[in-house]
Amino acid sequence: MTHRLAEAFKKASALPDALQNELADQLIEDLENESKWQQCLSQPLGHPLEELARKALEDSRQSKTHPLGFDEL
């Protein structure tokens, strides 16, 4: 454990139990979400996404697309 994380846990331990539990829930959720993101990003792109990207590039090359602003989507 890093010194900084140990310091955070030490400060949190002085808080009321309810707030400690809330912080723990938030930290656990953040850690789980980070793990899911890392797992997701480590996966190769699936074939459907690659095919959609190829189609979009081909449509663009054939001038079948036009730029839109955010308010035009």
Protein backbone atom coordinates (compact mmCIF):
# COMPACT_ATOMS: atom_id res chain seq x y z
CA MET A 1 0.00 0.00 0.00
CA THR A 2 1.31 3.42 -0.85
CA HIS A 3 1.97 6.03 1.82
CA ARG A 4 -0.71 8.27 0.30
CA LEU A 5 -3.38 5.55 0.40
CA ALA A 6 -2.46 4.62 3.97
CA GLU A 7 -2.80 8.31 4.91
CA ALA A 8 -6.26 8.44 3.32
CA PHE A 9 -7.38 5.33 5.22
CA LYS A 10 -6.00 6.74 8.47
CA LYS A 11 -7.98 9.97 8.00
CA ALA A 12 -11.09 8.03 7.00
CA SER A 13 -10.85 5.87 10.13
CA ALA A 14 -11.52 8.98 12.24
CA LEU A 15 -14.88 9.56 10.53
CA PRO A 16 -18.21 8.23 11.82
CA ASP A 17 -19.00 4.62 10.86
CA ALA A 18 -21.78 5.60 8.46
CA LEU A 19 -19.46 7.88 6.51
CA GLN A 20 -16.69 5.25 6.53
CA ASN A 21 -19.15 2.76 5.04
CA GLU A 22 -20.21 5.26 2.39
CA LEU A 23 -16.58 5.90 1.44
CA ALA A 24 -15.91 2.16 1.37
CA ASP A 25 -18.90 1.57 -0.92
CA GLN A 26 -17.71 4.32 -3.27
CA LEU A 27 -14.16 2.97 -3.33
CA ILE A 28 -15.31 -0.60 -3.98
CA GLU A 29 -17.58 0.59 -6.80
CA ASP A 30 -14.74 2.63 -8.33
CA LEU A 31 -12.35 -0.33 -8.13
CA GLU A 32 -14.89 -2.68 -9.73
CA ASN A 33 -15.60 -0.17 -12.51
CA GLU A 34 -11.90 0.33 -13.14
CA SER A 35 -11.41 -3.42 -13.36
CA LYS A 36 -14.28 -3.70 -15.86
CA TRP A 37 -12.80 -0.89 -17.98
CA GLN A 38 -9.37 -2.49 -17.98
CA GLN A 39 -10.87 -5.82 -19.00
CA CYS A 40 -12.98 -4.20 -21.71
CA LEU A 41 -10.06 -2.20 -23.12
CA SER A 42 -7.81 -5.25 -23.19
CA GLN A 43 -10.24 -7.12 -25.47
CA PRO A 44 -9.67 -6.86 -29.22
CA LEU A 45 -12.38 -5.05 -31.13
CA GLY A 46 -15.07 -7.36 -32.34
CA HIS A 47 -15.79 -7.96 -35.99
CA PRO A 48 -19.06 -5.98 -36.04
CA LEU A 49 -17.28 -2.79 -34.94
CA GLU A 50 -14.48 -3.29 -37.43
CA GLU A 51 -17.00 -3.81 -40.23
CA LEU A 52 -18.92 -0.67 -39.24
CA ALA A 53 -15.69 1.32 -39.24
CA ARG A 54 -14.74 0.03 -42.69
CA LYS A 55 -18.23 0.88 -43.99
CA ALA A 56 -18.04 4.40 -42.53
CA LEU A 57 -14.64 5.01 -44.13
CA GLU A 58 -15.85 3.70 -47.49
CA ASP A 59 -18.98 5.88 -47.33
CA SER A 60 -16.78 8.87 -46.58
CA ARG A 61 -14.46 8.09 -49.51
CA GLN A 62 -17.50 7.88 -51.80
CA SER A 63 -18.82 11.24 -50.52
CA LYS A 64 -21.90 9.57 -49.04
CA THR A 65 -21.41 11.46 -45.77
CA HIS A 66 -21.51 15.07 -44.69
CA PRO A 67 -20.33 16.83 -41.54
CA LEU A 68 -22.88 17.54 -38.79
CA GLY A 69 -22.64 19.73 -35.72
CA PHE A 70 -23.68 18.49 -32.29
CA ASP A 71 -27.02 20.29 -32.59
CA GLU A 72 -27.72 18.51 -35.88
CA LEU A 73 -27.39 14.93 -34.65
